[in-house]
Amino acid sequence: MAKRKIIKIVLDKCTGCGLCIPNCPEGALQIIDGKARLISDLFCDGLGACLGHCPEGAIVIEEREAEKYDEKKVMANIAAQGKNTIKAHLIHLRDHGEKELLRLAIEYLTKNNPEINVPELVHGEEAQEHGGCPGSKMQDLRHKDGGLDGQKVRGLEKMENPSQPEIQNWPVQIMLVPVHAPYFNGADLLIAADCVPFAYPMFHQDLLKGKILLIGCPKLDDNGLYAEKLGQIIKENDIKSVTVAHMEVPCCFGILQSVEAAIEASGKNIAMKEATIAISGLRID
C-alpha cells in the first residue's frame, strides 16, 4: 500500500447539483442519494479534473493510502456506503468490462454482506437506475454492419464513392478502453494520434479496416500513462500486430515512443508498423 492523491467529497457542502459528473472522464463519480459519491478508488486518478466544476467547493484532493487494483479493499470502503453505492460500483465494473474485478467484488459481498442480492443489483431491472457510464461502456462492433448495426448513414446516398465506417470497438480512447475485452483476442491494433482521423481522409479504408482502434494525444496527455496502459493490453491479450499512426509534427511522435515502450514492457515480440500523415492530409511514410 502506498499513499497517492485522490479526490474527496465534502458531503456537508455537496448540494448534488451534478456538475462534476460529466467532468470526471474516468466515470468515478455518480449522484447517489442526493450527493456526489466517489464510487471507486480504482477509477479516480487524483488529477482533479472535476474540482473546478463544483460551485460549492465540495471536492478536494487528499493524500491517503490507497491500494492500486485491490478490489477487495476497495469493496470494504464501498460496502460501508450502502446498497445504492454498492450497486453503482458493481454496474460500473460491469460496464467497463472489468470481469475479474467484478468477480472479486461479488466474492467479497458474498462473504461479508450475504444479505445483498448481487444478481438483482448487477442484472435486474433495478440496476438500470444506475446504469454506469454509457459513453465508456465496452461495445464489440466487429460483427455488425460497419459498426452501425443497420443504421442509415446520413448523407451516404449523396457521396460519389460511399463507404461504411470501419470502427470495430467502443470506447476508443486509450485511458477509457478496458484492458480485457473480447475484441483484443487475435487483434491487429491501430494506435492513432487523435488528429490523424481528421487530417487523413482515407483513415477508415486505408488504416482502420480490420483493426481495433485506440487513440490518444501525445502532446496534451501523459505518454507514461499511455505506455503503462498499452503495455497491460499487449501483455494480457493475444495481440497479433500493432500499427501506429501519427502526424508529421514532432510532438506527435510521442505516441510512437509510448507504443515502443509498451511492447518492450510486455515482453512480447509484436510486429509494429508506422504510418505518418502530413498536415496536408497525405500519407507520407
C-alpha atoms as a PDB file:
ATOM      1  CA  MET A   1       0.000   0.000   0.000  1.00  0.00           C
ATOM      2  CA  ALA A   2       1.245   3.492  -0.841  1.00  0.00           C
ATOM      3  CA  LYS A   3      -0.082   7.000  -0.435  1.00  0.00           C
ATOM      4  CA  ARG A   4      -1.424   8.719  -3.512  1.00  0.00           C
ATOM      5  CA  LYS A   5      -3.589  11.714  -4.348  1.00  0.00           C
ATOM      6  CA  ILE A   6      -7.297  11.069  -4.721  1.00  0.00           C
ATOM      7  CA  ILE A   7     -10.438  13.185  -4.614  1.00  0.00           C
ATOM      8  CA  LYS A   8     -12.680  13.502  -1.554  1.00  0.00           C
ATOM      9  CA  ILE A   9     -16.289  14.684  -1.464  1.00  0.00           C
ATOM     10  CA  VAL A  10     -17.115  17.023   1.443  1.00  0.00           C
ATOM     11  CA  LEU A  11     -20.696  15.841   1.909  1.00  0.00           C
ATOM     12  CA  ASP A  12     -21.760  18.779   4.110  1.00  0.00           C
ATOM     13  CA  LYS A  13     -21.002  21.151   1.215  1.00  0.00           C
ATOM     14  CA  CYS A  14     -22.278  18.988  -1.666  1.00  0.00           C
ATOM     15  CA  THR A  15     -25.707  20.021  -2.985  1.00  0.00           C
ATOM     16  CA  GLY A  16     -25.978  17.179  -5.505  1.00  0.00           C
ATOM     17  CA  CYS A  17     -26.035  19.553  -8.484  1.00  0.00           C
ATOM     18  CA  GLY A  18     -24.155  17.016 -10.626  1.00  0.00           C
ATOM     19  CA  LEU A  19     -21.883  19.493 -12.429  1.00  0.00           C
ATOM     20  CA  CYS A  20     -18.879  17.349 -11.501  1.00  0.00           C
ATOM     21  CA  ILE A  21     -20.223  14.198 -13.189  1.00  0.00           C
ATOM     22  CA  PRO A  22     -19.531  14.958 -16.889  1.00  0.00           C
ATOM     23  CA  ASN A  23     -16.140  16.361 -15.916  1.00  0.00           C
ATOM     24  CA  CYS A  24     -14.849  13.083 -14.492  1.00  0.00           C
ATOM     25  CA  PRO A  25     -13.542  11.233 -17.576  1.00  0.00           C
ATOM     26  CA  GLU A  26     -12.904   8.087 -15.569  1.00  0.00           C
ATOM     27  CA  GLY A  27     -16.574   7.850 -14.543  1.00  0.00           C
ATOM     28  CA  ALA A  28     -15.621   7.642 -10.875  1.00  0.00           C
ATOM     29  CA  LEU A  29     -18.397   9.987  -9.704  1.00  0.00           C
ATOM     30  CA  GLN A  30     -22.156   9.499  -9.509  1.00  0.00           C
ATOM     31  CA  ILE A  31     -25.031  11.257  -7.748  1.00  0.00           C
ATOM     32  CA  ILE A  32     -26.426   8.821  -5.203  1.00  0.00           C
ATOM     33  CA  ASP A  33     -28.971   9.684  -2.519  1.00  0.00           C
ATOM     34  CA  GLY A  34     -28.684  13.363  -3.445  1.00  0.00           C
ATOM     35  CA  LYS A  35     -24.905  13.630  -3.042  1.00  0.00           C
ATOM     36  CA  ALA A  36     -21.889  13.221  -5.319  1.00  0.00           C
ATOM     37  CA  ARG A  37     -20.086   9.994  -4.494  1.00  0.00           C
ATOM     38  CA  LEU A  38     -16.701   8.594  -5.427  1.00  0.00           C
ATOM     39  CA  ILE A  39     -17.889   5.110  -6.332  1.00  0.00           C
ATOM     40  CA  SER A  40     -14.466   3.560  -6.794  1.00  0.00           C
ATOM     41  CA  ASP A  41     -10.889   4.440  -5.841  1.00  0.00           C
ATOM     42  CA  LEU A  42      -9.900   2.318  -8.831  1.00  0.00           C
ATOM     43  CA  PHE A  43     -11.148   4.786 -11.434  1.00  0.00           C
ATOM     44  CA  CYS A  44     -10.034   8.023  -9.746  1.00  0.00           C
ATOM     45  CA  ASP A  45      -6.656   9.250 -10.997  1.00  0.00           C
ATOM     46  CA  GLY A  46      -6.449  12.005  -8.377  1.00  0.00           C
ATOM     47  CA  LEU A  47      -5.795  14.687 -11.014  1.00  0.00           C
ATOM     48  CA  GLY A  48      -8.918  16.606 -10.025  1.00  0.00           C
ATOM     49  CA  ALA A  49     -10.472  17.364 -13.421  1.00  0.00           C
ATOM     50  CA  CYS A  50     -13.772  17.738 -11.567  1.00  0.00           C
ATOM     51  CA  LEU A  51     -12.570  20.291  -8.973  1.00  0.00           C
ATOM     52  CA  GLY A  52     -13.142  23.477 -10.918  1.00  0.00           C
ATOM     53  CA  HIS A  53     -16.706  22.490 -11.811  1.00  0.00           C
ATOM     54  CA  CYS A  54     -18.022  22.321  -8.240  1.00  0.00           C
ATOM     55  CA  PRO A  55     -19.685  25.654  -7.347  1.00  0.00           C
ATOM     56  CA  GLU A  56     -19.721  24.767  -3.640  1.00  0.00           C
ATOM     57  CA  GLY A  57     -16.067  23.745  -3.270  1.00  0.00           C
ATOM     58  CA  ALA A  58     -17.226  20.312  -2.120  1.00  0.00           C
ATOM     59  CA  ILE A  59     -14.481  18.416  -3.972  1.00  0.00           C
ATOM     60  CA  VAL A  60     -10.941  18.455  -2.620  1.00  0.00           C
ATOM     61  CA  ILE A  61      -7.769  16.484  -3.192  1.00  0.00           C
ATOM     62  CA  GLU A  62      -6.460  14.465  -0.291  1.00  0.00           C
ATOM     63  CA  GLU A  63      -3.466  12.207   0.030  1.00  0.00           C
ATOM     64  CA  ARG A  64      -4.241   8.898   1.650  1.00  0.00           C
ATOM     65  CA  GLU A  65      -3.250   5.290   1.467  1.00  0.00           C
ATOM     66  CA  ALA A  66      -4.904   3.558  -1.459  1.00  0.00           C
ATOM     67  CA  GLU A  67      -4.193   0.148  -2.933  1.00  0.00           C
ATOM     68  CA  LYS A  68      -3.915   0.012  -6.682  1.00  0.00           C
ATOM     69  CA  TYR A  69      -6.174  -2.589  -8.259  1.00  0.00           C
ATOM     70  CA  ASP A  70      -7.021  -4.282  -4.934  1.00  0.00           C
ATOM     71  CA  GLU A  71     -10.745  -4.762  -5.458  1.00  0.00           C
ATOM     72  CA  LYS A  72     -11.411  -6.422  -2.100  1.00  0.00           C
ATOM     73  CA  LYS A  73     -10.008  -3.457  -0.186  1.00  0.00           C
ATOM     74  CA  VAL A  74     -11.919  -1.055  -2.420  1.00  0.00           C
ATOM     75  CA  MET A  75     -15.092  -3.044  -1.720  1.00  0.00           C
ATOM     76  CA  ALA A  76     -14.570  -2.719   2.033  1.00  0.00           C
ATOM     77  CA  ASN A  77     -14.933   1.034   1.568  1.00  0.00           C
ATOM     78  CA  ILE A  78     -17.756   0.797  -0.964  1.00  0.00           C
ATOM     79  CA  ALA A  79     -19.843  -1.633   1.122  1.00  0.00           C
ATOM     80  CA  ALA A  80     -19.903   0.768   4.081  1.00  0.00           C
ATOM     81  CA  GLN A  81     -21.642   3.415   1.939  1.00  0.00           C
ATOM     82  CA  GLY A  82     -24.857   1.477   1.474  1.00  0.00           C
ATOM     83  CA  LYS A  83     -26.775  -0.502  -1.132  1.00  0.00           C
ATOM     84  CA  ASN A  84     -27.071   2.237  -3.751  1.00  0.00           C
ATOM     85  CA  THR A  85     -23.324   2.896  -3.779  1.00  0.00           C
ATOM     86  CA  ILE A  86     -22.599  -0.855  -3.932  1.00  0.00           C
ATOM     87  CA  LYS A  87     -24.988  -1.106  -6.870  1.00  0.00           C
ATOM     88  CA  ALA A  88     -23.330   1.782  -8.714  1.00  0.00           C
ATOM     89  CA  HIS A  89     -19.876   0.278  -8.208  1.00  0.00           C
ATOM     90  CA  LEU A  90     -20.864  -3.169  -9.489  1.00  0.00           C
ATOM     91  CA  ILE A  91     -22.566  -1.730 -12.575  1.00  0.00           C
ATOM     92  CA  HIS A  92     -19.526   0.497 -13.133  1.00  0.00           C
ATOM     93  CA  LEU A  93     -17.208  -2.532 -13.192  1.00  0.00           C
ATOM     94  CA  ARG A  94     -19.573  -4.463 -15.437  1.00  0.00           C
ATOM     95  CA  ASP A  95     -19.945  -1.655 -17.964  1.00  0.00           C
ATOM     96  CA  HIS A  96     -16.176  -1.143 -18.151  1.00  0.00           C
ATOM     97  CA  GLY A  97     -15.670  -4.837 -18.983  1.00  0.00           C
ATOM     98  CA  GLU A  98     -13.665  -5.427 -15.785  1.00  0.00           C
ATOM     99  CA  LYS A  99     -14.834  -9.021 -15.359  1.00  0.00           C
ATOM    100  CA  GLU A 100     -12.112 -10.126 -12.957  1.00  0.00           C
ATOM    101  CA  LEU A 101     -12.603  -7.119 -10.696  1.00  0.00           C
ATOM    102  CA  LEU A 102     -16.362  -7.711 -10.754  1.00  0.00           C
ATOM    103  CA  ARG A 103     -15.759 -11.319  -9.728  1.00  0.00           C
ATOM    104  CA  LEU A 104     -13.623 -10.185  -6.786  1.00  0.00           C
ATOM    105  CA  ALA A 105     -16.258  -7.625  -5.761  1.00  0.00           C
ATOM    106  CA  ILE A 106     -19.025 -10.251  -5.803  1.00  0.00           C
ATOM    107  CA  GLU A 107     -16.790 -12.662  -3.883  1.00  0.00           C
ATOM    108  CA  TYR A 108     -16.274 -10.011  -1.201  1.00  0.00           C
ATOM    109  CA  LEU A 109     -20.002  -9.291  -0.922  1.00  0.00           C
ATOM    110  CA  THR A 110     -20.903 -12.974  -0.765  1.00  0.00           C
ATOM    111  CA  LYS A 111     -18.546 -13.440   2.155  1.00  0.00           C
ATOM    112  CA  ASN A 112     -19.030 -10.176   4.049  1.00  0.00           C
ATOM    113  CA  ASN A 113     -22.502  -8.948   3.041  1.00  0.00           C
ATOM    114  CA  PRO A 114     -24.571 -12.090   2.360  1.00  0.00           C
ATOM    115  CA  GLU A 115     -27.823 -10.117   2.723  1.00  0.00           C
ATOM    116  CA  ILE A 116     -27.051  -8.266  -0.544  1.00  0.00           C
ATOM    117  CA  ASN A 117     -28.828  -9.732  -3.580  1.00  0.00           C
ATOM    118  CA  VAL A 118     -25.968  -9.430  -6.051  1.00  0.00           C
ATOM    119  CA  PRO A 119     -27.757 -10.779  -9.176  1.00  0.00           C
ATOM    120  CA  GLU A 120     -30.530  -8.228  -8.630  1.00  0.00           C
ATOM    121  CA  LEU A 121     -28.016  -5.410  -8.382  1.00  0.00           C
ATOM    122  CA  VAL A 122     -25.951  -6.405 -11.415  1.00  0.00           C
ATOM    123  CA  HIS A 123     -28.551  -7.846 -13.784  1.00  0.00           C
ATOM    124  CA  GLY A 124     -32.019  -6.810 -12.605  1.00  0.00           C
ATOM    125  CA  GLU A 125     -34.184  -4.007 -13.985  1.00  0.00           C
ATOM    126  CA  GLU A 126     -33.499  -2.088 -10.781  1.00  0.00           C
ATOM    127  CA  ALA A 127     -29.855  -1.824 -11.821  1.00  0.00           C
ATOM    128  CA  GLN A 128     -30.797   0.322 -14.799  1.00  0.00           C
ATOM    129  CA  GLU A 129     -31.330   3.216 -12.388  1.00  0.00           C
ATOM    130  CA  HIS A 130     -27.546   3.465 -12.045  1.00  0.00           C
ATOM    131  CA  GLY A 131     -26.514   2.299 -15.491  1.00  0.00           C
ATOM    132  CA  GLY A 132     -22.804   3.048 -15.204  1.00  0.00           C
ATOM    133  CA  CYS A 133     -21.101   5.147 -17.867  1.00  0.00           C
ATOM    134  CA  PRO A 134     -22.878   4.734 -21.242  1.00  0.00           C
ATOM    135  CA  GLY A 135     -20.211   6.757 -23.032  1.00  0.00           C
ATOM    136  CA  SER A 136     -17.431   4.395 -21.969  1.00  0.00           C
ATOM    137  CA  LYS A 137     -19.373   1.121 -21.893  1.00  0.00           C
ATOM    138  CA  MET A 138     -17.433  -1.590 -23.728  1.00  0.00           C
ATOM    139  CA  GLN A 139     -19.017  -2.491 -27.081  1.00  0.00           C
ATOM    140  CA  ASP A 140     -17.819  -5.106 -29.559  1.00  0.00           C
ATOM    141  CA  LEU A 141     -18.857  -3.919 -33.025  1.00  0.00           C
ATOM    142  CA  ARG A 142     -16.953  -6.449 -35.132  1.00  0.00           C
ATOM    143  CA  HIS A 143     -19.987  -8.448 -36.232  1.00  0.00           C
ATOM    144  CA  LYS A 144     -22.206  -5.505 -37.051  1.00  0.00           C
ATOM    145  CA  ASP A 145     -22.550  -3.781 -40.394  1.00  0.00           C
ATOM    146  CA  GLY A 146     -19.679  -1.314 -40.325  1.00  0.00           C
ATOM    147  CA  GLY A 147     -20.262  -0.865 -36.611  1.00  0.00           C
ATOM    148  CA  LEU A 148     -23.661   0.725 -37.314  1.00  0.00           C
ATOM    149  CA  ASP A 149     -25.930  -2.288 -36.787  1.00  0.00           C
ATOM    150  CA  GLY A 150     -28.098  -1.451 -39.775  1.00  0.00           C
ATOM    151  CA  GLN A 151     -28.439   2.259 -39.056  1.00  0.00           C
ATOM    152  CA  LYS A 152     -28.804   4.558 -42.051  1.00  0.00           C
ATOM    153  CA  VAL A 153     -25.846   6.873 -42.534  1.00  0.00           C
ATOM    154  CA  ARG A 154     -26.981  10.456 -43.173  1.00  0.00           C
ATOM    155  CA  GLY A 155     -25.703  11.810 -46.467  1.00  0.00           C
ATOM    156  CA  LEU A 156     -24.324   8.453 -47.643  1.00  0.00           C
ATOM    157  CA  GLU A 157     -26.573   8.494 -50.735  1.00  0.00           C
ATOM    158  CA  LYS A 158     -25.035  11.823 -51.814  1.00  0.00           C
ATOM    159  CA  MET A 159     -21.448  10.583 -51.791  1.00  0.00           C
ATOM    160  CA  GLU A 160     -19.773   9.656 -55.085  1.00  0.00           C
ATOM    161  CA  ASN A 161     -17.864   6.759 -53.526  1.00  0.00           C
ATOM    162  CA  PRO A 162     -19.745   5.871 -50.333  1.00  0.00           C
ATOM    163  CA  SER A 163     -18.177   3.598 -47.767  1.00  0.00           C
ATOM    164  CA  GLN A 164     -19.178   2.313 -44.362  1.00  0.00           C
ATOM    165  CA  PRO A 165     -17.257   3.241 -41.199  1.00  0.00           C
ATOM    166  CA  GLU A 166     -14.763   0.570 -40.170  1.00  0.00           C
ATOM    167  CA  ILE A 167     -14.884   1.114 -36.401  1.00  0.00           C
ATOM    168  CA  GLN A 168     -14.876  -2.229 -34.574  1.00  0.00           C
ATOM    169  CA  ASN A 169     -14.854  -1.250 -30.898  1.00  0.00           C
ATOM    170  CA  TRP A 170     -16.001   1.313 -28.349  1.00  0.00           C
ATOM    171  CA  PRO A 171     -14.629   3.200 -26.445  1.00  0.00           C
ATOM    172  CA  VAL A 172     -11.516   4.084 -28.418  1.00  0.00           C
ATOM    173  CA  GLN A 173      -9.659   6.482 -26.083  1.00  0.00           C
ATOM    174  CA  ILE A 174      -6.650   4.668 -24.616  1.00  0.00           C
ATOM    175  CA  MET A 175      -7.429   5.523 -20.985  1.00  0.00           C
ATOM    176  CA  LEU A 176     -11.111   4.536 -21.292  1.00  0.00           C
ATOM    177  CA  VAL A 177     -10.816   1.209 -23.088  1.00  0.00           C
ATOM    178  CA  PRO A 178     -10.879  -1.846 -20.751  1.00  0.00           C
ATOM    179  CA  VAL A 179      -7.688  -3.890 -20.525  1.00  0.00           C
ATOM    180  CA  HIS A 180      -9.646  -7.089 -21.115  1.00  0.00           C
ATOM    181  CA  ALA A 181     -12.136  -7.073 -23.995  1.00  0.00           C
ATOM    182  CA  PRO A 182     -13.150  -9.868 -26.402  1.00  0.00           C
ATOM    183  CA  TYR A 183     -12.114  -7.871 -29.453  1.00  0.00           C
ATOM    184  CA  PHE A 184      -8.472  -7.915 -28.287  1.00  0.00           C
ATOM    185  CA  ASN A 185      -8.158 -11.669 -28.865  1.00  0.00           C
ATOM    186  CA  GLY A 186      -6.180 -12.150 -32.079  1.00  0.00           C
ATOM    187  CA  ALA A 187      -6.455  -8.420 -32.814  1.00  0.00           C
ATOM    188  CA  ASP A 188      -4.470  -6.160 -35.078  1.00  0.00           C
ATOM    189  CA  LEU A 189      -4.282  -2.859 -33.191  1.00  0.00           C
ATOM    190  CA  LEU A 190      -4.310   0.602 -34.720  1.00  0.00           C
ATOM    191  CA  ILE A 191      -2.967   3.116 -32.197  1.00  0.00           C
ATOM    192  CA  ALA A 192      -3.516   6.581 -33.604  1.00  0.00           C
ATOM    193  CA  ALA A 193      -2.789  10.121 -32.515  1.00  0.00           C
ATOM    194  CA  ASP A 194      -6.210  11.731 -32.329  1.00  0.00           C
ATOM    195  CA  CYS A 195      -5.549  14.316 -35.058  1.00  0.00           C
ATOM    196  CA  VAL A 196      -4.914  11.601 -37.647  1.00  0.00           C
ATOM    197  CA  PRO A 197      -8.572  10.706 -38.429  1.00  0.00           C
ATOM    198  CA  PHE A 198      -9.364  14.391 -39.056  1.00  0.00           C
ATOM    199  CA  ALA A 199      -6.360  15.036 -41.280  1.00  0.00           C
ATOM    200  CA  TYR A 200      -6.369  11.815 -43.310  1.00  0.00           C
ATOM    201  CA  PRO A 201      -9.486  11.385 -45.500  1.00  0.00           C
ATOM    202  CA  MET A 202      -8.727   7.693 -46.143  1.00  0.00           C
ATOM    203  CA  PHE A 203      -8.392   6.866 -42.458  1.00  0.00           C
ATOM    204  CA  HIS A 204     -11.182   4.272 -42.301  1.00  0.00           C
ATOM    205  CA  GLN A 205     -10.402   2.485 -45.561  1.00  0.00           C
ATOM    206  CA  ASP A 206      -6.603   2.630 -45.517  1.00  0.00           C
ATOM    207  CA  LEU A 207      -5.713   2.393 -41.825  1.00  0.00           C
ATOM    208  CA  LEU A 208      -8.658   1.285 -39.702  1.00  0.00           C
ATOM    209  CA  LYS A 209     -10.234  -1.543 -41.729  1.00  0.00           C
ATOM    210  CA  GLY A 210      -9.925  -4.845 -39.871  1.00  0.00           C
ATOM    211  CA  LYS A 211      -8.232  -3.287 -36.839  1.00  0.00           C
ATOM    212  CA  ILE A 212      -9.133  -2.416 -33.262  1.00  0.00           C
ATOM    213  CA  LEU A 213      -8.715   1.313 -32.682  1.00  0.00           C
ATOM    214  CA  LEU A 214      -7.089   3.112 -29.752  1.00  0.00           C
ATOM    215  CA  ILE A 215      -6.491   6.865 -29.839  1.00  0.00           C
ATOM    216  CA  GLY A 216      -4.675   9.429 -27.723  1.00  0.00           C
ATOM    217  CA  CYS A 217      -2.967  12.811 -27.836  1.00  0.00           C
ATOM    218  CA  PRO A 218       0.791  12.607 -27.184  1.00  0.00           C
ATOM    219  CA  LYS A 219       1.005  16.408 -26.956  1.00  0.00           C
ATOM    220  CA  LEU A 220      -1.591  17.003 -24.237  1.00  0.00           C
ATOM    221  CA  ASP A 221      -1.739  13.703 -22.350  1.00  0.00           C
ATOM    222  CA  ASP A 222       0.686  11.673 -20.230  1.00  0.00           C
ATOM    223  CA  ASN A 223       2.665   9.366 -22.529  1.00  0.00           C
ATOM    224  CA  GLY A 224       3.879   7.430 -19.496  1.00  0.00           C
ATOM    225  CA  LEU A 225       0.299   6.500 -18.616  1.00  0.00           C
ATOM    226  CA  TYR A 226      -0.314   5.557 -22.244  1.00  0.00           C
ATOM    227  CA  ALA A 227       2.729   3.278 -22.231  1.00  0.00           C
ATOM    228  CA  GLU A 228       1.572   1.637 -18.996  1.00  0.00           C
ATOM    229  CA  LYS A 229      -1.998   1.044 -20.206  1.00  0.00           C
ATOM    230  CA  LEU A 230      -0.927  -0.176 -23.646  1.00  0.00           C
ATOM    231  CA  GLY A 231       1.658  -2.433 -22.045  1.00  0.00           C
ATOM    232  CA  GLN A 232      -1.103  -4.087 -19.996  1.00  0.00           C
ATOM    233  CA  ILE A 233      -3.297  -4.561 -23.049  1.00  0.00           C
ATOM    234  CA  ILE A 234      -0.494  -6.106 -25.107  1.00  0.00           C
ATOM    235  CA  LYS A 235       0.767  -8.303 -22.280  1.00  0.00           C
ATOM    236  CA  GLU A 236      -2.590  -9.662 -21.174  1.00  0.00           C
ATOM    237  CA  ASN A 237      -4.179 -10.246 -24.597  1.00  0.00           C
ATOM    238  CA  ASP A 238      -3.360 -12.099 -27.811  1.00  0.00           C
ATOM    239  CA  ILE A 239      -2.333  -9.135 -29.958  1.00  0.00           C
ATOM    240  CA  LYS A 240      -1.148 -10.063 -33.465  1.00  0.00           C
ATOM    241  CA  SER A 241       0.237  -6.744 -34.671  1.00  0.00           C
ATOM    242  CA  VAL A 242       0.344  -3.033 -33.916  1.00  0.00           C
ATOM    243  CA  THR A 243       0.151  -0.131 -36.358  1.00  0.00           C
ATOM    244  CA  VAL A 244       0.983   3.335 -35.050  1.00  0.00           C
ATOM    245  CA  ALA A 245      -0.424   6.315 -36.958  1.00  0.00           C
ATOM    246  CA  HIS A 246       0.777   9.836 -36.145  1.00  0.00           C
ATOM    247  CA  MET A 247       1.077  13.259 -37.702  1.00  0.00           C
ATOM    248  CA  GLU A 248       4.348  14.543 -39.171  1.00  0.00           C
ATOM    249  CA  VAL A 249       4.770  17.219 -36.472  1.00  0.00           C
ATOM    250  CA  PRO A 250       7.497  16.427 -33.875  1.00  0.00           C
ATOM    251  CA  CYS A 251       5.226  16.446 -30.810  1.00  0.00           C
ATOM    252  CA  CYS A 252       3.123  13.670 -32.341  1.00  0.00           C
ATOM    253  CA  PHE A 253       5.973  11.156 -32.286  1.00  0.00           C
ATOM    254  CA  GLY A 254       5.400  10.720 -28.557  1.00  0.00           C
ATOM    255  CA  ILE A 255       2.704   8.162 -29.252  1.00  0.00           C
ATOM    256  CA  LEU A 256       5.204   6.077 -31.196  1.00  0.00           C
ATOM    257  CA  GLN A 257       7.564   6.135 -28.225  1.00  0.00           C
ATOM    258  CA  SER A 258       4.730   5.094 -25.900  1.00  0.00           C
ATOM    259  CA  VAL A 259       3.906   2.094 -28.064  1.00  0.00           C
ATOM    260  CA  GLU A 260       7.553   1.047 -28.334  1.00  0.00           C
ATOM    261  CA  ALA A 261       7.860   1.229 -24.533  1.00  0.00           C
ATOM    262  CA  ALA A 262       4.615  -0.730 -24.122  1.00  0.00           C
ATOM    263  CA  ILE A 263       5.745  -3.546 -26.406  1.00  0.00           C
ATOM    264  CA  GLU A 264       9.088  -3.747 -24.608  1.00  0.00           C
ATOM    265  CA  ALA A 265       7.396  -3.825 -21.198  1.00  0.00           C
ATOM    266  CA  SER A 266       5.029  -6.586 -22.337  1.00  0.00           C
ATOM    267  CA  GLY A 267       7.943  -8.898 -23.048  1.00  0.00           C
ATOM    268  CA  LYS A 268       6.335  -9.959 -26.329  1.00  0.00           C
ATOM    269  CA  ASN A 269       7.713  -9.895 -29.852  1.00  0.00           C
ATOM    270  CA  ILE A 270       4.951  -7.946 -31.590  1.00  0.00           C
ATOM    271  CA  ALA A 271       5.226  -6.716 -35.163  1.00  0.00           C
ATOM    272  CA  MET A 272       4.845  -2.927 -35.341  1.00  0.00           C
ATOM    273  CA  LYS A 273       4.175  -0.780 -38.405  1.00  0.00           C
ATOM    274  CA  GLU A 274       4.254   3.016 -38.634  1.00  0.00           C
ATOM    275  CA  ALA A 275       2.081   5.377 -40.670  1.00  0.00           C
ATOM    276  CA  THR A 276       2.901   9.096 -40.926  1.00  0.00           C
ATOM    277  CA  ILE A 277       0.305  11.636 -42.024  1.00  0.00           C
ATOM    278  CA  ALA A 278       1.242  15.080 -43.337  1.00  0.00           C
ATOM    279  CA  ILE A 279      -0.641  18.205 -42.279  1.00  0.00           C
ATOM    280  CA  SER A 280      -1.793  18.408 -45.891  1.00  0.00           C
ATOM    281  CA  GLY A 281      -3.683  15.133 -45.382  1.00  0.00           C
ATOM    282  CA  LEU A 282      -1.347  12.923 -47.399  1.00  0.00           C
ATOM    283  CA  ARG A 283       0.185   9.720 -46.108  1.00  0.00           C
ATOM    284  CA  ILE A 284       3.968  10.139 -46.387  1.00  0.00           C
ATOM    285  CA  ASP A 285       5.506   7.075 -44.713  1.00  0.00           C
END
